[in-house]
Amino acid sequence: MQERVFCENLSHLRKEKGVSQRKAASDLLISQALLSHYENGAREPGLAFVCRACDYYGVSADYLLGRTTEQGGAVVTPEILRQLARQMRQIAEQAENYL
Protein backbone atom coordinates (compact mmCIF):
# COMPACT_ATOMS: atom_id res chain seq x y z
CA MET A 1 0.00 0.00 0.00
CA GLN A 2 2.72 2.51 0.97
CA GLU A 3 4.63 1.79 -2.28
CA ARG A 4 1.51 2.57 -4.31
CA VAL A 5 0.99 5.86 -2.47
CA PHE A 6 4.62 6.83 -3.14
CA CYS A 7 4.24 6.09 -6.87
CA GLU A 8 1.00 8.01 -7.12
CA ASN A 9 2.35 10.98 -5.17
CA LEU A 10 5.52 11.12 -7.25
CA SER A 11 3.56 11.09 -10.49
CA HIS A 12 0.96 13.56 -9.20
CA LEU A 13 3.58 16.05 -8.03
CA ARG A 14 5.33 15.98 -11.39
CA LYS A 15 2.08 16.60 -13.24
CA GLU A 16 1.08 19.30 -10.74
CA LYS A 17 4.41 21.02 -11.38
CA GLY A 18 3.66 20.84 -15.10
CA VAL A 19 6.86 19.14 -16.19
CA SER A 20 7.44 16.15 -18.43
CA GLN A 21 9.03 12.96 -17.18
CA ARG A 22 12.08 13.81 -19.27
CA LYS A 23 12.47 17.26 -17.64
CA ALA A 24 11.83 15.99 -14.10
CA ALA A 25 14.23 13.09 -14.58
CA SER A 26 16.93 15.44 -15.84
CA ASP A 27 16.40 17.82 -12.93
CA LEU A 28 16.46 14.89 -10.49
CA LEU A 29 19.68 13.51 -12.03
CA ILE A 30 18.21 10.19 -13.18
CA SER A 31 17.10 8.75 -16.51
CA GLN A 32 13.57 9.12 -17.78
CA ALA A 33 13.23 5.33 -17.79
CA LEU A 34 14.17 5.14 -14.11
CA LEU A 35 11.70 7.88 -13.18
CA SER A 36 9.03 5.98 -15.10
CA HIS A 37 9.87 2.85 -13.11
CA TYR A 38 9.56 4.81 -9.85
CA GLU A 39 6.23 6.32 -10.93
CA ASN A 40 4.72 2.99 -11.95
CA GLY A 41 6.10 1.03 -9.00
CA ALA A 42 8.46 -1.22 -10.95
CA ARG A 43 11.47 -0.01 -8.94
CA GLU A 44 12.02 1.45 -5.47
CA PRO A 45 14.22 4.52 -5.12
CA GLY A 46 17.02 5.00 -2.65
CA LEU A 47 17.10 7.60 0.10
CA ALA A 48 19.19 10.06 -1.94
CA PHE A 49 16.53 10.18 -4.65
CA VAL A 50 13.72 10.60 -2.12
CA CYS A 51 15.58 13.58 -0.61
CA ARG A 52 16.14 15.15 -4.05
CA ALA A 53 12.49 14.62 -5.00
CA CYS A 54 11.30 16.24 -1.76
CA ASP A 55 13.48 19.27 -2.42
CA TYR A 56 12.46 19.42 -6.09
CA TYR A 57 8.73 19.28 -5.38
CA GLY A 58 8.87 21.21 -2.10
CA VAL A 59 7.22 18.52 -0.01
CA SER A 60 8.14 16.55 3.07
CA ALA A 61 9.35 12.97 2.90
CA ASP A 62 6.36 11.97 5.00
CA TYR A 63 4.04 13.31 2.29
CA LEU A 64 5.96 11.74 -0.58
CA LEU A 65 6.03 8.39 1.23
CA GLY A 66 2.32 8.52 2.03
CA ARG A 67 2.70 8.93 5.79
CA THR A 68 0.72 12.20 5.85
CA THR A 69 -1.62 14.09 3.58
CA GLU A 70 0.08 17.42 4.41
CA GLN A 71 2.55 18.38 1.68
CA GLY A 72 4.57 20.87 3.67
CA GLY A 73 7.66 20.00 5.53
CA ALA A 74 10.18 21.80 7.64
CA VAL A 75 12.67 22.58 4.91
CA VAL A 76 15.13 25.19 6.13
CA THR A 77 17.22 26.82 3.43
CA PRO A 78 19.94 29.44 3.87
CA GLU A 79 17.56 32.07 2.44
CA ILE A 80 14.90 31.19 5.02
CA LEU A 81 17.51 31.52 7.78
CA ARG A 82 18.61 34.93 6.44
CA GLN A 83 14.99 36.13 6.35
CA LEU A 84 14.44 34.92 9.89
CA ALA A 85 17.61 36.68 11.08
CA ARG A 86 16.46 39.96 9.43
CA GLN A 87 13.06 39.69 11.07
CA MET A 88 14.62 39.02 14.46
CA ARG A 89 16.91 42.08 14.09
CA GLN A 90 13.90 44.23 13.20
CA ILE A 91 11.98 42.97 16.23
CA ALA A 92 14.99 43.62 18.48
CA GLU A 93 15.34 47.17 17.13
CA GLN A 94 11.66 47.85 17.66
CA ALA A 95 11.85 46.50 21.19
CA GLU A 96 14.80 48.79 21.98
CA ASN A 97 12.75 51.79 20.80
CA TYR A 98 10.14 51.01 23.43
CA LEU A 99 12.62 50.71 26.31
PDB file of N, CA and C in Angstrom:
ATOM      1  N   MET A   1       0.826  -1.196   0.000  1.00  0.00           N
ATOM      2  CA  MET A   1       0.000   0.000   0.000  1.00  0.00           C
ATOM      3  C   MET A   1       0.867   1.255   0.000  1.00  0.00           C
ATOM      4  N   GLN A   2       1.860   1.334   0.901  1.00  0.00           N
ATOM      5  CA  GLN A   2       2.718   2.514   0.967  1.00  0.00           C
ATOM      6  C   GLN A   2       3.443   2.735  -0.365  1.00  0.00           C
ATOM      7  N   GLU A   3       3.925   1.646  -1.013  1.00  0.00           N
ATOM      8  CA  GLU A   3       4.632   1.790  -2.281  1.00  0.00           C
ATOM      9  C   GLU A   3       3.726   2.438  -3.320  1.00  0.00           C
ATOM     10  N   ARG A   4       2.466   2.031  -3.336  1.00  0.00           N
ATOM     11  CA  ARG A   4       1.515   2.569  -4.310  1.00  0.00           C
ATOM     12  C   ARG A   4       1.285   4.065  -4.069  1.00  0.00           C
ATOM     13  N   VAL A   5       1.183   4.454  -2.802  1.00  0.00           N
ATOM     14  CA  VAL A   5       0.986   5.865  -2.472  1.00  0.00           C
ATOM     15  C   VAL A   5       2.200   6.667  -2.933  1.00  0.00           C
ATOM     16  N   PHE A   6       3.402   6.143  -2.706  1.00  0.00           N
ATOM     17  CA  PHE A   6       4.617   6.829  -3.145  1.00  0.00           C
ATOM     18  C   PHE A   6       4.579   7.037  -4.655  1.00  0.00           C
ATOM     19  N   CYS A   7       4.285   5.998  -5.404  1.00  0.00           N
ATOM     20  CA  CYS A   7       4.243   6.085  -6.873  1.00  0.00           C
ATOM     21  C   CYS A   7       3.234   7.129  -7.326  1.00  0.00           C
ATOM     22  N   GLU A   8       2.056   7.077  -6.745  1.00  0.00           N
ATOM     23  CA  GLU A   8       0.997   8.012  -7.121  1.00  0.00           C
ATOM     24  C   GLU A   8       1.372   9.443  -6.760  1.00  0.00           C
ATOM     25  N   ASN A   9       1.948   9.640  -5.577  1.00  0.00           N
ATOM     26  CA  ASN A   9       2.353  10.984  -5.165  1.00  0.00           C
ATOM     27  C   ASN A   9       3.452  11.528  -6.067  1.00  0.00           C
ATOM     28  N   LEU A  10       4.411  10.697  -6.400  1.00  0.00           N
ATOM     29  CA  LEU A  10       5.518  11.123  -7.253  1.00  0.00           C
ATOM     30  C   LEU A  10       4.993  11.560  -8.622  1.00  0.00           C
ATOM     31  N   SER A  11       4.136  10.768  -9.189  1.00  0.00           N
ATOM     32  CA  SER A  11       3.556  11.091 -10.495  1.00  0.00           C
ATOM     33  C   SER A  11       2.678  12.343 -10.414  1.00  0.00           C
ATOM     34  N   HIS A  12       1.853  12.413  -9.374  1.00  0.00           N
ATOM     35  CA  HIS A  12       0.956  13.556  -9.202  1.00  0.00           C
ATOM     36  C   HIS A  12       1.736  14.863  -9.044  1.00  0.00           C
ATOM     37  N   LEU A  13       2.792  14.839  -8.252  1.00  0.00           N
ATOM     38  CA  LEU A  13       3.582  16.045  -8.026  1.00  0.00           C
ATOM     39  C   LEU A  13       4.233  16.529  -9.317  1.00  0.00           C
ATOM     40  N   ARG A  14       4.718  15.599 -10.122  1.00  0.00           N
ATOM     41  CA  ARG A  14       5.332  15.983 -11.391  1.00  0.00           C
ATOM     42  C   ARG A  14       4.304  16.647 -12.297  1.00  0.00           C
ATOM     43  N   LYS A  15       3.131  16.039 -12.388  1.00  0.00           N
ATOM     44  CA  LYS A  15       2.079  16.602 -13.237  1.00  0.00           C
ATOM     45  C   LYS A  15       1.601  17.947 -12.699  1.00  0.00           C
ATOM     46  N   GLU A  16       1.490  18.049 -11.376  1.00  0.00           N
ATOM     47  CA  GLU A  16       1.076  19.302 -10.742  1.00  0.00           C
ATOM     48  C   GLU A  16       2.081  20.415 -11.035  1.00  0.00           C
ATOM     49  N   LYS A  17       3.353  20.052 -11.089  1.00  0.00           N
ATOM     50  CA  LYS A  17       4.415  21.022 -11.382  1.00  0.00           C
ATOM     51  C   LYS A  17       4.422  21.388 -12.869  1.00  0.00           C
ATOM     52  N   GLY A  18       3.764  20.552 -13.677  1.00  0.00           N
ATOM     53  CA  GLY A  18       3.660  20.835 -15.103  1.00  0.00           C
ATOM     54  C   GLY A  18       4.912  20.529 -15.893  1.00  0.00           C
ATOM     55  N   VAL A  19       5.645  19.512 -15.461  1.00  0.00           N
ATOM     56  CA  VAL A  19       6.859  19.143 -16.185  1.00  0.00           C
ATOM     57  C   VAL A  19       6.733  17.725 -16.737  1.00  0.00           C
ATOM     58  N   SER A  20       7.431  17.481 -17.823  1.00  0.00           N
ATOM     59  CA  SER A  20       7.440  16.153 -18.428  1.00  0.00           C
ATOM     60  C   SER A  20       8.307  15.218 -17.602  1.00  0.00           C
ATOM     61  N   GLN A  21       8.152  13.929 -17.845  1.00  0.00           N
ATOM     62  CA  GLN A  21       9.031  12.958 -17.176  1.00  0.00           C
ATOM     63  C   GLN A  21      10.477  13.231 -17.551  1.00  0.00           C
ATOM     64  N   ARG A  22      10.707  13.559 -18.797  1.00  0.00           N
ATOM     65  CA  ARG A  22      12.075  13.814 -19.271  1.00  0.00           C
ATOM     66  C   ARG A  22      12.703  14.978 -18.492  1.00  0.00           C
ATOM     67  N   LYS A  23      11.965  16.077 -18.342  1.00  0.00           N
ATOM     68  CA  LYS A  23      12.469  17.256 -17.637  1.00  0.00           C
ATOM     69  C   LYS A  23      12.686  16.949 -16.153  1.00  0.00           C
ATOM     70  N   ALA A  24      11.701  16.322 -15.523  1.00  0.00           N
ATOM     71  CA  ALA A  24      11.829  15.989 -14.102  1.00  0.00           C
ATOM     72  C   ALA A  24      13.006  15.049 -13.877  1.00  0.00           C
ATOM     73  N   ALA A  25      13.131  14.049 -14.721  1.00  0.00           N
ATOM     74  CA  ALA A  25      14.228  13.091 -14.581  1.00  0.00           C
ATOM     75  C   ALA A  25      15.576  13.794 -14.697  1.00  0.00           C
ATOM     76  N   SER A  26      15.688  14.685 -15.666  1.00  0.00           N
ATOM     77  CA  SER A  26      16.934  15.438 -15.845  1.00  0.00           C
ATOM     78  C   SER A  26      17.232  16.281 -14.609  1.00  0.00           C
ATOM     79  N   ASP A  27      16.223  16.983 -14.118  1.00  0.00           N
ATOM     80  CA  ASP A  27      16.401  17.817 -12.928  1.00  0.00           C
ATOM     81  C   ASP A  27      16.754  16.990 -11.697  1.00  0.00           C
ATOM     82  N   LEU A  28      16.231  15.766 -11.649  1.00  0.00           N
ATOM     83  CA  LEU A  28      16.461  14.887 -10.495  1.00  0.00           C
ATOM     84  C   LEU A  28      17.695  13.996 -10.663  1.00  0.00           C
ATOM     85  N   LEU A  29      18.414  14.207 -11.766  1.00  0.00           N
ATOM     86  CA  LEU A  29      19.677  13.508 -12.028  1.00  0.00           C
ATOM     87  C   LEU A  29      19.529  12.003 -12.220  1.00  0.00           C
ATOM     88  N   ILE A  30      18.421  11.597 -12.845  1.00  0.00           N
ATOM     89  CA  ILE A  30      18.214  10.193 -13.181  1.00  0.00           C
ATOM     90  C   ILE A  30      17.712  10.110 -14.619  1.00  0.00           C
ATOM     91  N   SER A  31      17.620   8.910 -15.157  1.00  0.00           N
ATOM     92  CA  SER A  31      17.103   8.747 -16.512  1.00  0.00           C
ATOM     93  C   SER A  31      15.576   8.798 -16.499  1.00  0.00           C
ATOM     94  N   GLN A  32      15.026   9.109 -17.658  1.00  0.00           N
ATOM     95  CA  GLN A  32      13.569   9.121 -17.775  1.00  0.00           C
ATOM     96  C   GLN A  32      13.012   7.723 -17.519  1.00  0.00           C
ATOM     97  N   ALA A  33      13.700   6.707 -17.992  1.00  0.00           N
ATOM     98  CA  ALA A  33      13.233   5.331 -17.789  1.00  0.00           C
ATOM     99  C   ALA A  33      13.163   4.998 -16.301  1.00  0.00           C
ATOM    100  N   LEU A  34      14.165   5.433 -15.549  1.00  0.00           N
ATOM    101  CA  LEU A  34      14.166   5.138 -14.110  1.00  0.00           C
ATOM    102  C   LEU A  34      13.033   5.884 -13.412  1.00  0.00           C
ATOM    103  N   LEU A  35      12.812   7.145 -13.779  1.00  0.00           N
ATOM    104  CA  LEU A  35      11.700   7.880 -13.183  1.00  0.00           C
ATOM    105  C   LEU A  35      10.382   7.189 -13.506  1.00  0.00           C
ATOM    106  N   SER A  36      10.242   6.713 -14.721  1.00  0.00           N
ATOM    107  CA  SER A  36       9.034   5.983 -15.105  1.00  0.00           C
ATOM    108  C   SER A  36       8.849   4.748 -14.230  1.00  0.00           C
ATOM    109  N   HIS A  37       9.944   4.035 -13.981  1.00  0.00           N
ATOM    110  CA  HIS A  37       9.872   2.850 -13.107  1.00  0.00           C
ATOM    111  C   HIS A  37       9.442   3.235 -11.695  1.00  0.00           C
ATOM    112  N   TYR A  38       9.957   4.356 -11.180  1.00  0.00           N
ATOM    113  CA  TYR A  38       9.559   4.810  -9.851  1.00  0.00           C
ATOM    114  C   TYR A  38       8.080   5.178  -9.835  1.00  0.00           C
ATOM    115  N   GLU A  39       7.622   5.874 -10.887  1.00  0.00           N
ATOM    116  CA  GLU A  39       6.233   6.323 -10.929  1.00  0.00           C
ATOM    117  C   GLU A  39       5.244   5.182 -11.114  1.00  0.00           C
ATOM    118  N   ASN A  40       5.661   4.096 -11.766  1.00  0.00           N
ATOM    119  CA  ASN A  40       4.719   2.989 -11.951  1.00  0.00           C
ATOM    120  C   ASN A  40       4.941   1.843 -10.968  1.00  0.00           C
ATOM    121  N   GLY A  41       5.893   2.008 -10.058  1.00  0.00           N
ATOM    122  CA  GLY A  41       6.100   1.026  -9.000  1.00  0.00           C
ATOM    123  C   GLY A  41       6.963  -0.160  -9.372  1.00  0.00           C
ATOM    124  N   ALA A  42       7.606  -0.105 -10.529  1.00  0.00           N
ATOM    125  CA  ALA A  42       8.457  -1.218 -10.953  1.00  0.00           C
ATOM    126  C   ALA A  42       9.780  -1.253 -10.187  1.00  0.00           C
ATOM    127  N   ARG A  43      10.229  -0.106  -9.702  1.00  0.00           N
ATOM    128  CA  ARG A  43      11.472  -0.013  -8.942  1.00  0.00           C
ATOM    129  C   ARG A  43      11.249   0.854  -7.721  1.00  0.00           C
ATOM    130  N   GLU A  44      12.057   0.640  -6.690  1.00  0.00           N
ATOM    131  CA  GLU A  44      12.022   1.445  -5.474  1.00  0.00           C
ATOM    132  C   GLU A  44      13.249   2.334  -5.427  1.00  0.00           C
ATOM    133  N   PRO A  45      13.068   3.620  -5.149  1.00  0.00           N
ATOM    134  CA  PRO A  45      14.224   4.521  -5.115  1.00  0.00           C
ATOM    135  C   PRO A  45      14.992   4.409  -3.809  1.00  0.00           C
ATOM    136  N   GLY A  46      16.207   4.904  -3.850  1.00  0.00           N
ATOM    137  CA  GLY A  46      17.016   4.999  -2.647  1.00  0.00           C
ATOM    138  C   GLY A  46      16.729   6.296  -1.909  1.00  0.00           C
ATOM    139  N   LEU A  47      17.315   6.433  -0.753  1.00  0.00           N
ATOM    140  CA  LEU A  47      17.096   7.598   0.097  1.00  0.00           C
ATOM    141  C   LEU A  47      17.564   8.894  -0.572  1.00  0.00           C
ATOM    142  N   ALA A  48      18.674   8.843  -1.289  1.00  0.00           N
ATOM    143  CA  ALA A  48      19.190  10.057  -1.942  1.00  0.00           C
ATOM    144  C   ALA A  48      18.170  10.602  -2.930  1.00  0.00           C
ATOM    145  N   PHE A  49      17.534   9.717  -3.697  1.00  0.00           N
ATOM    146  CA  PHE A  49      16.526  10.179  -4.650  1.00  0.00           C
ATOM    147  C   PHE A  49      15.319  10.757  -3.919  1.00  0.00           C
ATOM    148  N   VAL A  50      14.872  10.102  -2.875  1.00  0.00           N
ATOM    149  CA  VAL A  50      13.716  10.598  -2.120  1.00  0.00           C
ATOM    150  C   VAL A  50      14.007  12.008  -1.610  1.00  0.00           C
ATOM    151  N   CYS A  51      15.205  12.243  -1.101  1.00  0.00           N
ATOM    152  CA  CYS A  51      15.575  13.580  -0.613  1.00  0.00           C
ATOM    153  C   CYS A  51      15.567  14.592  -1.755  1.00  0.00           C
ATOM    154  N   ARG A  52      16.145  14.233  -2.901  1.00  0.00           N
ATOM    155  CA  ARG A  52      16.144  15.153  -4.047  1.00  0.00           C
ATOM    156  C   ARG A  52      14.725  15.451  -4.514  1.00  0.00           C
ATOM    157  N   ALA A  53      13.873  14.432  -4.555  1.00  0.00           N
ATOM    158  CA  ALA A  53      12.488  14.622  -4.996  1.00  0.00           C
ATOM    159  C   ALA A  53      11.738  15.531  -4.032  1.00  0.00           C
ATOM    160  N   CYS A  54      11.959  15.370  -2.747  1.00  0.00           N
ATOM    161  CA  CYS A  54      11.305  16.243  -1.759  1.00  0.00           C
ATOM    162  C   CYS A  54      11.714  17.688  -1.967  1.00  0.00           C
ATOM    163  N   ASP A  55      13.002  17.915  -2.171  1.00  0.00           N
ATOM    164  CA  ASP A  55      13.485  19.273  -2.422  1.00  0.00           C
ATOM    165  C   ASP A  55      12.920  19.817  -3.730  1.00  0.00           C
ATOM    166  N   TYR A  56      12.919  19.011  -4.764  1.00  0.00           N
ATOM    167  CA  TYR A  56      12.461  19.422  -6.091  1.00  0.00           C
ATOM    168  C   TYR A  56      10.983  19.812  -6.081  1.00  0.00           C
ATOM    169  N   TYR A  57      10.173  19.021  -5.401  1.00  0.00           N
ATOM    170  CA  TYR A  57       8.732  19.276  -5.382  1.00  0.00           C
ATOM    171  C   TYR A  57       8.291  20.114  -4.178  1.00  0.00           C
ATOM    172  N   GLY A  58       9.206  20.382  -3.261  1.00  0.00           N
ATOM    173  CA  GLY A  58       8.875  21.210  -2.104  1.00  0.00           C
ATOM    174  C   GLY A  58       7.913  20.551  -1.139  1.00  0.00           C
ATOM    175  N   VAL A  59       8.086  19.264  -0.930  1.00  0.00           N
ATOM    176  CA  VAL A  59       7.221  18.520  -0.008  1.00  0.00           C
ATOM    177  C   VAL A  59       8.073  17.781   1.013  1.00  0.00           C
ATOM    178  N   SER A  60       7.435  17.329   2.066  1.00  0.00           N
ATOM    179  CA  SER A  60       8.140  16.546   3.073  1.00  0.00           C
ATOM    180  C   SER A  60       8.246  15.089   2.624  1.00  0.00           C
ATOM    181  N   ALA A  61       9.206  14.397   3.190  1.00  0.00           N
ATOM    182  CA  ALA A  61       9.352  12.974   2.898  1.00  0.00           C
ATOM    183  C   ALA A  61       8.126  12.207   3.380  1.00  0.00           C
ATOM    184  N   ASP A  62       7.558  12.633   4.499  1.00  0.00           N
ATOM    185  CA  ASP A  62       6.356  11.966   4.998  1.00  0.00           C
ATOM    186  C   ASP A  62       5.227  12.044   3.971  1.00  0.00           C
ATOM    187  N   TYR A  63       5.085  13.192   3.319  1.00  0.00           N
ATOM    188  CA  TYR A  63       4.042  13.307   2.291  1.00  0.00           C
ATOM    189  C   TYR A  63       4.370  12.414   1.095  1.00  0.00           C
ATOM    190  N   LEU A  64       5.585  12.516   0.600  1.00  0.00           N
ATOM    191  CA  LEU A  64       5.962  11.736  -0.580  1.00  0.00           C
ATOM    192  C   LEU A  64       5.805  10.238  -0.323  1.00  0.00           C
ATOM    193  N   LEU A  65       6.113   9.811   0.890  1.00  0.00           N
ATOM    194  CA  LEU A  65       6.030   8.391   1.230  1.00  0.00           C
ATOM    195  C   LEU A  65       4.631   7.943   1.651  1.00  0.00           C
ATOM    196  N   GLY A  66       3.697   8.881   1.697  1.00  0.00           N
ATOM    197  CA  GLY A  66       2.322   8.520   2.031  1.00  0.00           C
ATOM    198  C   GLY A  66       2.036   8.406   3.510  1.00  0.00           C
ATOM    199  N   ARG A  67       2.894   9.003   4.336  1.00  0.00           N
ATOM    200  CA  ARG A  67       2.699   8.927   5.789  1.00  0.00           C
ATOM    201  C   ARG A  67       1.832  10.053   6.317  1.00  0.00           C
ATOM    202  N   THR A  68       1.594  11.087   5.483  1.00  0.00           N
ATOM    203  CA  THR A  68       0.723  12.196   5.846  1.00  0.00           C
ATOM    204  C   THR A  68       0.106  12.767   4.579  1.00  0.00           C
ATOM    205  N   THR A  69      -0.992  13.463   4.737  1.00  0.00           N
ATOM    206  CA  THR A  69      -1.618  14.094   3.583  1.00  0.00           C
ATOM    207  C   THR A  69      -1.202  15.557   3.462  1.00  0.00           C
ATOM    208  N   GLU A  70      -0.410  16.039   4.429  1.00  0.00           N
ATOM    209  CA  GLU A  70       0.084  17.419   4.409  1.00  0.00           C
ATOM    210  C   GLU A  70       1.368  17.479   3.597  1.00  0.00           C
ATOM    211  N   GLN A  71       1.375  18.299   2.546  1.00  0.00           N
ATOM    212  CA  GLN A  71       2.550  18.381   1.676  1.00  0.00           C
ATOM    213  C   GLN A  71       3.744  19.062   2.323  1.00  0.00           C
ATOM    214  N   GLY A  72       3.489  20.056   3.135  1.00  0.00           N
ATOM    215  CA  GLY A  72       4.573  20.870   3.674  1.00  0.00           C
ATOM    216  C   GLY A  72       5.481  20.128   4.613  1.00  0.00           C
ATOM    217  N   GLY A  73       6.696  20.559   4.605  1.00  0.00           N
ATOM    218  CA  GLY A  73       7.660  19.999   5.532  1.00  0.00           C
ATOM    219  C   GLY A  73       8.531  21.114   6.066  1.00  0.00           C
ATOM    220  N   ALA A  74       9.292  20.806   7.039  1.00  0.00           N
ATOM    221  CA  ALA A  74      10.177  21.804   7.640  1.00  0.00           C
ATOM    222  C   ALA A  74      11.486  21.825   6.871  1.00  0.00           C
ATOM    223  N   VAL A  75      11.474  22.464   5.719  1.00  0.00           N
ATOM    224  CA  VAL A  75      12.670  22.582   4.909  1.00  0.00           C
ATOM    225  C   VAL A  75      13.282  23.947   5.202  1.00  0.00           C
ATOM    226  N   VAL A  76      14.474  23.943   5.758  1.00  0.00           N
ATOM    227  CA  VAL A  76      15.132  25.186   6.129  1.00  0.00           C
ATOM    228  C   VAL A  76      16.290  25.413   5.164  1.00  0.00           C
ATOM    229  N   THR A  77      16.175  26.463   4.382  1.00  0.00           N
ATOM    230  CA  THR A  77      17.221  26.818   3.426  1.00  0.00           C
ATOM    231  C   THR A  77      18.010  27.997   3.972  1.00  0.00           C
ATOM    232  N   PRO A  78      19.179  28.268   3.424  1.00  0.00           N
ATOM    233  CA  PRO A  78      19.937  29.443   3.867  1.00  0.00           C
ATOM    234  C   PRO A  78      19.136  30.741   3.712  1.00  0.00           C
ATOM    235  N   GLU A  79      18.361  30.858   2.648  1.00  0.00           N
ATOM    236  CA  GLU A  79      17.562  32.068   2.441  1.00  0.00           C
ATOM    237  C   GLU A  79      16.510  32.222   3.546  1.00  0.00           C
ATOM    238  N   ILE A  80      15.878  31.134   3.933  1.00  0.00           N
ATOM    239  CA  ILE A  80      14.897  31.187   5.018  1.00  0.00           C
ATOM    240  C   ILE A  80      15.578  31.630   6.308  1.00  0.00           C
ATOM    241  N   LEU A  81      16.776  31.122   6.569  1.00  0.00           N
ATOM    242  CA  LEU A  81      17.513  31.521   7.781  1.00  0.00           C
ATOM    243  C   LEU A  81      17.882  32.995   7.739  1.00  0.00           C
ATOM    244  N   ARG A  82      18.288  33.503   6.563  1.00  0.00           N
ATOM    245  CA  ARG A  82      18.613  34.932   6.438  1.00  0.00           C
ATOM    246  C   ARG A  82      17.373  35.791   6.693  1.00  0.00           C
ATOM    247  N   GLN A  83      16.229  35.385   6.133  1.00  0.00           N
ATOM    248  CA  GLN A  83      14.989  36.129   6.350  1.00  0.00           C
ATOM    249  C   GLN A  83      14.620  36.141   7.830  1.00  0.00           C
ATOM    250  N   LEU A  84      14.753  35.008   8.470  1.00  0.00           N
ATOM    251  CA  LEU A  84      14.443  34.920   9.893  1.00  0.00           C
ATOM    252  C   LEU A  84      15.364  35.825  10.710  1.00  0.00           C
ATOM    253  N   ALA A  85      16.658  35.833  10.368  1.00  0.00           N
ATOM    254  CA  ALA A  85      17.606  36.684  11.082  1.00  0.00           C
ATOM    255  C   ALA A  85      17.249  38.160  10.901  1.00  0.00           C
ATOM    256  N   ARG A  86      16.868  38.559   9.669  1.00  0.00           N
ATOM    257  CA  ARG A  86      16.463  39.958   9.432  1.00  0.00           C
ATOM    258  C   ARG A  86      15.241  40.321  10.266  1.00  0.00           C
ATOM    259  N   GLN A  87      14.273  39.430  10.298  1.00  0.00           N
ATOM    260  CA  GLN A  87      13.058  39.688  11.072  1.00  0.00           C
ATOM    261  C   GLN A  87      13.370  39.809  12.555  1.00  0.00           C
ATOM    262  N   MET A  88      14.262  38.963  13.036  1.00  0.00           N
ATOM    263  CA  MET A  88      14.622  39.018  14.457  1.00  0.00           C
ATOM    264  C   MET A  88      15.343  40.325  14.779  1.00  0.00           C
ATOM    265  N   ARG A  89      16.231  40.794  13.867  1.00  0.00           N
ATOM    266  CA  ARG A  89      16.913  42.076  14.088  1.00  0.00           C
ATOM    267  C   ARG A  89      15.905  43.220  14.134  1.00  0.00           C
ATOM    268  N   GLN A  90      14.929  43.192  13.223  1.00  0.00           N
ATOM    269  CA  GLN A  90      13.901  44.232  13.196  1.00  0.00           C
ATOM    270  C   GLN A  90      13.100  44.238  14.499  1.00  0.00           C
ATOM    271  N   ILE A  91      12.740  43.072  14.983  1.00  0.00           N
ATOM    272  CA  ILE A  91      11.983  42.973  16.229  1.00  0.00           C
ATOM    273  C   ILE A  91      12.814  43.492  17.390  1.00  0.00           C
ATOM    274  N   ALA A  92      14.104  43.151  17.411  1.00  0.00           N
ATOM    275  CA  ALA A  92      14.986  43.622  18.485  1.00  0.00           C
ATOM    276  C   ALA A  92      15.118  45.134  18.457  1.00  0.00           C
ATOM    277  N   GLU A  93      15.245  45.702  17.257  1.00  0.00           N
ATOM    278  CA  GLU A  93      15.343  47.168  17.130  1.00  0.00           C
ATOM    279  C   GLU A  93      14.069  47.835  17.603  1.00  0.00           C
ATOM    280  N   GLN A  94      12.940  47.290  17.232  1.00  0.00           N
ATOM    281  CA  GLN A  94      11.656  47.854  17.658  1.00  0.00           C
ATOM    282  C   GLN A  94      11.507  47.754  19.168  1.00  0.00           C
ATOM    283  N   ALA A  95      11.946  46.671  19.749  1.00  0.00           N
ATOM    284  CA  ALA A  95      11.853  46.496  21.191  1.00  0.00           C
ATOM    285  C   ALA A  95      12.728  47.521  21.911  1.00  0.00           C
ATOM    286  N   GLU A  96      13.915  47.809  21.357  1.00  0.00           N
ATOM    287  CA  GLU A  96      14.797  48.794  21.975  1.00  0.00           C
ATOM    288  C   GLU A  96      14.175  50.185  21.943  1.00  0.00           C
ATOM    289  N   ASN A  97      13.412  50.489  20.909  1.00  0.00           N
ATOM    290  CA  ASN A  97      12.754  51.792  20.799  1.00  0.00           C
ATOM    291  C   ASN A  97      11.713  51.977  21.892  1.00  0.00           C
ATOM    292  N   TYR A  98      11.159  50.918  22.398  1.00  0.00           N
ATOM    293  CA  TYR A  98      10.139  51.011  23.428  1.00  0.00           C
ATOM    294  C   TYR A  98      10.724  51.032  24.835  1.00  0.00           C
ATOM    295  N   LEU A  99      11.996  50.739  24.961  1.00  0.00           N
ATOM    296  CA  LEU A  99      12.619  50.711  26.308  1.00  0.00           C
ATOM    297  C   LEU A  99      13.039  52.073  26.769  1.00  0.00           C
TER     298      LEU A  99
END
